[in-house]
Amino acid sequence: LFIKSRFKTMTARQPKYSFEDFARRGDSLYETNIRQQVEASNRGKIVAIDIDTGAWEMDTNEIIASKRLRAKYPEAQIWFVRIGSRSIRRFGRTSYL
């Protein structure tokens, strides 16, 4: 008996770099090639950066940005940056002052 699953099988992508190298490459690409293009009017949006090619996509949602980037570069090693912030997500209480 064969039951067809309605769920897609996903393969895990293995990182090519250590976390430190991954972060260094992603932050460097953002600071040198992308920041000046996006920061003026896109505060709070997410930039997904392929640290191998330097290609990037921007959206209000990291999943959408990463899907668009992977459509072009299926093996993308993606680093995320929130424009105007040091973090992607916040936990706990936040001060808005």
N, C-alpha and C. Protein backbone atom coordinates (compact mmCIF):
# COMPACT_ATOMS: atom_id res chain seq x y z
N LEU A 1 0.85 -1.18 0.00
CA LEU A 1 0.00 0.00 0.00
C LEU A 1 0.89 1.23 0.00
N PHE A 2 0.68 2.15 -0.93
CA PHE A 2 1.45 3.37 -1.05
C PHE A 2 0.54 4.56 -0.78
N ILE A 3 0.92 5.36 0.18
CA ILE A 3 0.15 6.56 0.51
C ILE A 3 0.97 7.77 0.11
N LYS A 4 0.40 8.54 -0.76
CA LYS A 4 1.09 9.75 -1.21
C LYS A 4 0.96 10.84 -0.14
N SER A 5 2.06 11.36 0.28
CA SER A 5 2.05 12.41 1.30
C SER A 5 1.70 13.74 0.66
N ARG A 6 0.94 14.54 1.36
CA ARG A 6 0.61 15.87 0.86
C ARG A 6 1.65 16.91 1.28
N PHE A 7 2.64 16.47 2.05
CA PHE A 7 3.69 17.36 2.50
C PHE A 7 4.91 17.21 1.61
N LYS A 8 5.58 18.30 1.33
CA LYS A 8 6.79 18.28 0.53
C LYS A 8 7.96 17.83 1.40
N THR A 9 8.84 17.07 0.80
CA THR A 9 10.05 16.67 1.49
C THR A 9 11.07 17.79 1.35
N MET A 10 11.65 18.18 2.46
CA MET A 10 12.65 19.24 2.43
C MET A 10 14.02 18.66 2.74
N THR A 11 15.00 19.13 2.02
CA THR A 11 16.36 18.70 2.31
C THR A 11 17.04 19.80 3.10
N ALA A 12 17.81 19.41 4.07
CA ALA A 12 18.52 20.39 4.89
C ALA A 12 19.75 20.88 4.13
N ARG A 13 19.91 22.18 4.09
CA ARG A 13 21.09 22.76 3.46
C ARG A 13 22.17 22.87 4.53
N GLN A 14 23.34 22.40 4.19
CA GLN A 14 24.44 22.46 5.13
C GLN A 14 25.19 23.78 4.98
N PRO A 15 25.48 24.45 6.07
CA PRO A 15 26.24 25.70 5.97
C PRO A 15 27.67 25.42 5.49
N LYS A 16 28.20 26.30 4.68
CA LYS A 16 29.56 26.18 4.17
C LYS A 16 30.57 26.84 5.09
N TYR A 17 30.08 27.67 6.00
CA TYR A 17 30.97 28.50 6.81
C TYR A 17 30.66 28.34 8.29
N SER A 18 31.64 28.69 9.11
CA SER A 18 31.37 28.74 10.55
C SER A 18 30.44 29.93 10.79
N PHE A 19 29.78 29.95 11.95
CA PHE A 19 28.87 31.06 12.24
C PHE A 19 29.60 32.40 12.18
N GLU A 20 30.82 32.44 12.69
CA GLU A 20 31.58 33.69 12.71
C GLU A 20 31.87 34.18 11.29
N ASP A 21 32.30 33.26 10.40
CA ASP A 21 32.56 33.65 9.02
C ASP A 21 31.27 34.05 8.31
N PHE A 22 30.20 33.32 8.58
CA PHE A 22 28.89 33.61 8.00
C PHE A 22 28.47 35.03 8.36
N ALA A 23 28.53 35.35 9.64
CA ALA A 23 28.14 36.67 10.12
C ALA A 23 29.05 37.76 9.56
N ARG A 24 30.34 37.51 9.55
CA ARG A 24 31.30 38.50 9.05
C ARG A 24 31.04 38.80 7.59
N ARG A 25 30.85 37.76 6.78
CA ARG A 25 30.59 37.94 5.34
C ARG A 25 29.26 38.67 5.11
N GLY A 26 28.21 38.27 5.82
CA GLY A 26 26.91 38.90 5.65
C GLY A 26 26.91 40.36 6.05
N ASP A 27 27.49 40.66 7.21
CA ASP A 27 27.55 42.05 7.67
C ASP A 27 28.41 42.91 6.74
N SER A 28 29.51 42.35 6.26
CA SER A 28 30.38 43.08 5.35
C SER A 28 29.67 43.42 4.04
N LEU A 29 28.97 42.44 3.46
CA LEU A 29 28.22 42.70 2.23
C LEU A 29 27.14 43.77 2.44
N TYR A 30 26.45 43.68 3.57
CA TYR A 30 25.41 44.67 3.85
C TYR A 30 26.02 46.07 3.97
N GLU A 31 27.07 46.20 4.73
CA GLU A 31 27.66 47.51 4.98
C GLU A 31 28.30 48.12 3.73
N THR A 32 28.95 47.31 2.91
CA THR A 32 29.68 47.85 1.76
C THR A 32 28.85 47.97 0.49
N ASN A 33 27.86 47.08 0.28
CA ASN A 33 27.16 47.06 -1.01
C ASN A 33 25.67 47.37 -0.95
N ILE A 34 25.04 47.17 0.20
CA ILE A 34 23.58 47.21 0.22
C ILE A 34 23.02 48.36 1.05
N ARG A 35 23.61 48.64 2.17
CA ARG A 35 23.06 49.61 3.13
C ARG A 35 22.69 50.95 2.50
N GLN A 36 23.57 51.52 1.71
CA GLN A 36 23.31 52.83 1.11
C GLN A 36 22.11 52.80 0.17
N GLN A 37 21.83 51.64 -0.41
CA GLN A 37 20.72 51.53 -1.36
C GLN A 37 19.36 51.42 -0.67
N VAL A 38 19.33 50.89 0.56
CA VAL A 38 18.05 50.55 1.17
C VAL A 38 17.69 51.31 2.43
N GLU A 39 18.66 51.85 3.13
CA GLU A 39 18.40 52.33 4.48
C GLU A 39 17.53 53.58 4.57
N ALA A 40 17.55 54.44 3.60
CA ALA A 40 16.84 55.73 3.70
C ALA A 40 15.34 55.59 3.94
N SER A 41 14.66 54.70 3.24
CA SER A 41 13.19 54.66 3.34
C SER A 41 12.61 53.28 3.63
N ASN A 42 13.42 52.37 4.14
CA ASN A 42 12.94 51.00 4.34
C ASN A 42 13.16 50.49 5.76
N ARG A 43 13.21 51.37 6.72
CA ARG A 43 13.47 50.97 8.11
C ARG A 43 12.49 49.88 8.55
N GLY A 44 13.03 48.83 9.15
CA GLY A 44 12.23 47.73 9.65
C GLY A 44 12.07 46.56 8.68
N LYS A 45 12.36 46.78 7.41
CA LYS A 45 12.27 45.69 6.45
C LYS A 45 13.46 44.75 6.60
N ILE A 46 13.33 43.56 6.03
CA ILE A 46 14.36 42.52 6.11
C ILE A 46 15.09 42.43 4.78
N VAL A 47 16.41 42.32 4.85
CA VAL A 47 17.23 42.06 3.67
C VAL A 47 17.79 40.65 3.82
N ALA A 48 17.54 39.81 2.82
CA ALA A 48 18.11 38.46 2.76
C ALA A 48 19.27 38.53 1.78
N ILE A 49 20.47 38.15 2.25
CA ILE A 49 21.68 38.28 1.44
C ILE A 49 22.30 36.91 1.23
N ASP A 50 22.59 36.56 -0.03
CA ASP A 50 23.35 35.35 -0.31
C ASP A 50 24.82 35.71 -0.14
N ILE A 51 25.46 35.17 0.87
CA ILE A 51 26.83 35.57 1.18
C ILE A 51 27.85 35.02 0.18
N ASP A 52 27.45 34.11 -0.71
CA ASP A 52 28.35 33.64 -1.76
C ASP A 52 28.34 34.56 -2.98
N THR A 53 27.16 35.01 -3.40
CA THR A 53 27.05 35.80 -4.62
C THR A 53 26.92 37.29 -4.38
N GLY A 54 26.48 37.68 -3.17
CA GLY A 54 26.21 39.08 -2.89
C GLY A 54 24.82 39.51 -3.33
N ALA A 55 24.06 38.60 -3.94
CA ALA A 55 22.69 38.90 -4.35
C ALA A 55 21.83 39.08 -3.11
N TRP A 56 20.76 39.88 -3.24
CA TRP A 56 19.90 40.13 -2.08
C TRP A 56 18.47 40.42 -2.51
N GLU A 57 17.57 40.21 -1.57
CA GLU A 57 16.15 40.53 -1.73
C GLU A 57 15.68 41.21 -0.45
N MET A 58 14.68 42.08 -0.59
CA MET A 58 14.17 42.80 0.57
C MET A 58 12.65 42.63 0.64
N ASP A 59 12.14 42.50 1.87
CA ASP A 59 10.70 42.40 2.08
C ASP A 59 10.42 42.69 3.55
N THR A 60 9.14 42.81 3.89
CA THR A 60 8.77 42.98 5.30
C THR A 60 8.81 41.64 6.03
N ASN A 61 8.92 40.54 5.29
CA ASN A 61 8.90 39.19 5.83
C ASN A 61 10.13 38.42 5.37
N GLU A 62 10.88 37.84 6.30
CA GLU A 62 12.11 37.14 5.93
C GLU A 62 11.86 35.89 5.10
N ILE A 63 10.73 35.23 5.29
CA ILE A 63 10.43 34.03 4.51
C ILE A 63 10.20 34.39 3.05
N ILE A 64 9.45 35.43 2.81
CA ILE A 64 9.19 35.87 1.43
C ILE A 64 10.49 36.31 0.76
N ALA A 65 11.30 37.09 1.48
CA ALA A 65 12.58 37.55 0.91
C ALA A 65 13.48 36.36 0.60
N SER A 66 13.55 35.38 1.50
CA SER A 66 14.42 34.23 1.26
C SER A 66 13.90 33.35 0.13
N LYS A 67 12.57 33.21 -0.01
CA LYS A 67 12.01 32.42 -1.12
C LYS A 67 12.35 33.05 -2.47
N ARG A 68 12.26 34.37 -2.54
CA ARG A 68 12.61 35.05 -3.80
C ARG A 68 14.09 34.88 -4.12
N LEU A 69 14.92 34.97 -3.08
CA LEU A 69 16.36 34.80 -3.29
C LEU A 69 16.69 33.37 -3.71
N ARG A 70 16.07 32.39 -3.05
CA ARG A 70 16.31 30.97 -3.41
C ARG A 70 15.76 30.61 -4.79
N ALA A 71 14.74 31.33 -5.26
CA ALA A 71 14.23 31.09 -6.61
C ALA A 71 15.32 31.40 -7.64
N LYS A 72 16.15 32.38 -7.35
CA LYS A 72 17.24 32.76 -8.24
C LYS A 72 18.52 31.97 -7.97
N TYR A 73 18.77 31.69 -6.70
CA TYR A 73 19.99 31.01 -6.26
C TYR A 73 19.60 29.89 -5.29
N PRO A 74 19.27 28.71 -5.80
CA PRO A 74 18.77 27.62 -4.95
C PRO A 74 19.72 27.20 -3.83
N GLU A 75 21.00 27.37 -4.02
CA GLU A 75 21.98 26.98 -2.99
C GLU A 75 22.44 28.17 -2.14
N ALA A 76 21.67 29.23 -2.12
CA ALA A 76 22.05 30.45 -1.41
C ALA A 76 22.34 30.18 0.07
N GLN A 77 23.38 30.80 0.56
CA GLN A 77 23.73 30.81 1.97
C GLN A 77 23.24 32.17 2.49
N ILE A 78 22.08 32.18 3.16
CA ILE A 78 21.38 33.44 3.42
C ILE A 78 21.66 34.00 4.81
N TRP A 79 22.04 35.27 4.83
CA TRP A 79 22.22 36.07 6.04
C TRP A 79 21.14 37.14 6.03
N PHE A 80 20.47 37.34 7.17
CA PHE A 80 19.38 38.31 7.26
C PHE A 80 19.82 39.54 8.04
N VAL A 81 19.35 40.70 7.59
CA VAL A 81 19.58 41.96 8.28
C VAL A 81 18.25 42.71 8.32
N ARG A 82 17.90 43.25 9.49
CA ARG A 82 16.73 44.14 9.58
C ARG A 82 17.26 45.56 9.42
N ILE A 83 16.74 46.28 8.47
CA ILE A 83 17.22 47.62 8.17
C ILE A 83 16.96 48.54 9.37
N GLY A 84 18.03 49.19 9.82
CA GLY A 84 17.93 50.12 10.94
C GLY A 84 17.97 49.47 12.31
N SER A 85 18.26 48.17 12.38
CA SER A 85 18.27 47.46 13.65
C SER A 85 19.45 46.50 13.72
N ARG A 86 19.81 46.14 14.93
CA ARG A 86 20.90 45.18 15.11
C ARG A 86 20.39 43.75 15.22
N SER A 87 19.06 43.58 15.26
CA SER A 87 18.52 42.23 15.41
C SER A 87 17.34 42.01 14.47
N ILE A 88 17.07 40.75 14.18
CA ILE A 88 15.92 40.39 13.35
C ILE A 88 14.67 40.32 14.22
N ARG A 89 14.79 39.68 15.37
CA ARG A 89 13.65 39.49 16.30
C ARG A 89 14.00 40.11 17.65
N ARG A 90 12.95 40.49 18.39
CA ARG A 90 13.13 40.99 19.75
C ARG A 90 12.37 40.08 20.69
N PHE A 91 12.95 39.82 21.84
CA PHE A 91 12.31 38.99 22.86
C PHE A 91 12.16 39.83 24.12
N GLY A 92 11.06 39.63 24.82
CA GLY A 92 10.87 40.35 26.07
C GLY A 92 10.33 41.74 25.86
N ARG A 93 10.39 42.52 26.91
CA ARG A 93 9.83 43.87 26.90
C ARG A 93 10.72 44.81 26.09
N THR A 94 10.11 45.69 25.32
CA THR A 94 10.84 46.65 24.51
C THR A 94 10.44 48.06 24.88
N SER A 95 11.42 48.93 24.99
CA SER A 95 11.15 50.32 25.28
C SER A 95 11.03 51.07 23.96
N TYR A 96 9.98 51.87 23.80
CA TYR A 96 9.77 52.65 22.59
C TYR A 96 10.07 54.12 22.79
N LEU A 97 10.80 54.46 23.82
CA LEU A 97 11.13 55.87 24.09
C LEU A 97 12.24 56.36 23.23
